[in-house]
């Protein structure tokens, strides 16, 4: 017998069933702000939002009506399992999909081929426990919309659109022997590729930034210094002029958002912060005075140590061309030292991976790399509350508190004791909930909430 369908189901046959109300009890809740375990917690979830968190002996004063109005709950005894806020990776590139053994051919995949792989890439990120990500170059508004609409099952997405680069900068991936005549141009007349677009001069930079914001970008990313994969710049090079950076920052500020910058050296970092940039990506070569300057300006640093290690993998010996491999070695060995300098200076630090193509598989390896410098509690904050503040979402993301999105991980073991727990999701991660819906369960007590067959037939 065919079940009746509402209008929404007819228009969007991929629609998932309505979200359940959940009550998780007997949970060891991880309070990332205080870096401690809150025992025997009960977590009420309704319509994708955390309605209440209750502990033994605590009265329900002020929330009884809300709990009653939420209706019936699927009550699950977590048996002392650990509940952690969903993780946030603040530096990814969805457009750099797997499928090719080397970086150049991977980035030159036809757009249609890359798009067909987005679902797999996004789903794997979510299944590793990352319920929110920030794409720092390449993703577009249609990807965000597809995730929000559950056409793609993936993490909540904040994206920059195409990163902005000067001619010959880190985002200019044209062969140095090319005359550049066959590169694509966008509506502004700026050269572009899968990750970035090229703009020169304050007026052109202002227009390019405005255009990315027009296309739905949540923030702006600029290439402010040399990089590993770009063929025509040195790591030490300064990119964009102060006037160009100020023009881009003006566009972002007027739109109510911020600018983050790819930068390695103290000179590049300082030029960015001095001209209004809020975030620094990588920062592998910063010194103590620059780190203190960042801290005094409430800037955010997103190291991406795992990408440099992954690019030296024996399994992918041809991933980088020779000149890029030499630059990568210099950056790799400086990474941990820069993390230590930034931590000691009190810089706001976020979790980032920056993995491209087949390297995406080691996304969680960043947790273990940072553990030689940071405590498990500090690393957890870097992957939860710190990026939430950078995104302006500190009242919705990164903690398990009333009014926050119900982004939860159910873990067998305590990451505050051993952060490597988060580097082994197949062994330690029992379930991933995003927005009150269970997208992945490895535990027989919980079923995935993304089965639609019975709902739409």
Foldseek 3Di string as FASTA:
>chain_A
DADDDDPVCVVPVLFFDQFAWAKEFQEFEQFLVVRHTDGGWIWTDAQQFTAAIDDPPDDPPPRVVVVVVRDDHDYDYLNHFYKFFFWEAAEEALQQAADDLARVVSQVPPSVVSVVCSLVLFLVQQLLRHQEYEYQFQDFPVSQVCCVRVVRVGHRYAYAYAAEFAVLAQQPQDDPVDPPPPFDADPLRWGHGRGHTHADDQVRLLVVLLVSVVRPHLEHEYEQAHDLQRDRHDRHDGTDDLSNLLSNQVSQVVVVAFYEYEHAALVSLVSNVVNGHAEYEANLHYDLVSLLVNVVSQHEYEHAQQQLVLCVDPVSPNHGPPSSVVVSVVSNVSRQVRVLSNVVSPHLYAYHHHHGHPSSVQSQVVQVVNVVRDALSSHLCNGWQSVCVNSVNNQATRGSRGPHRPWMWTWRDDCNVPVCLSRCSVVTTAWTDGSSFTCDGPDPSDDGSSDCVVPRD
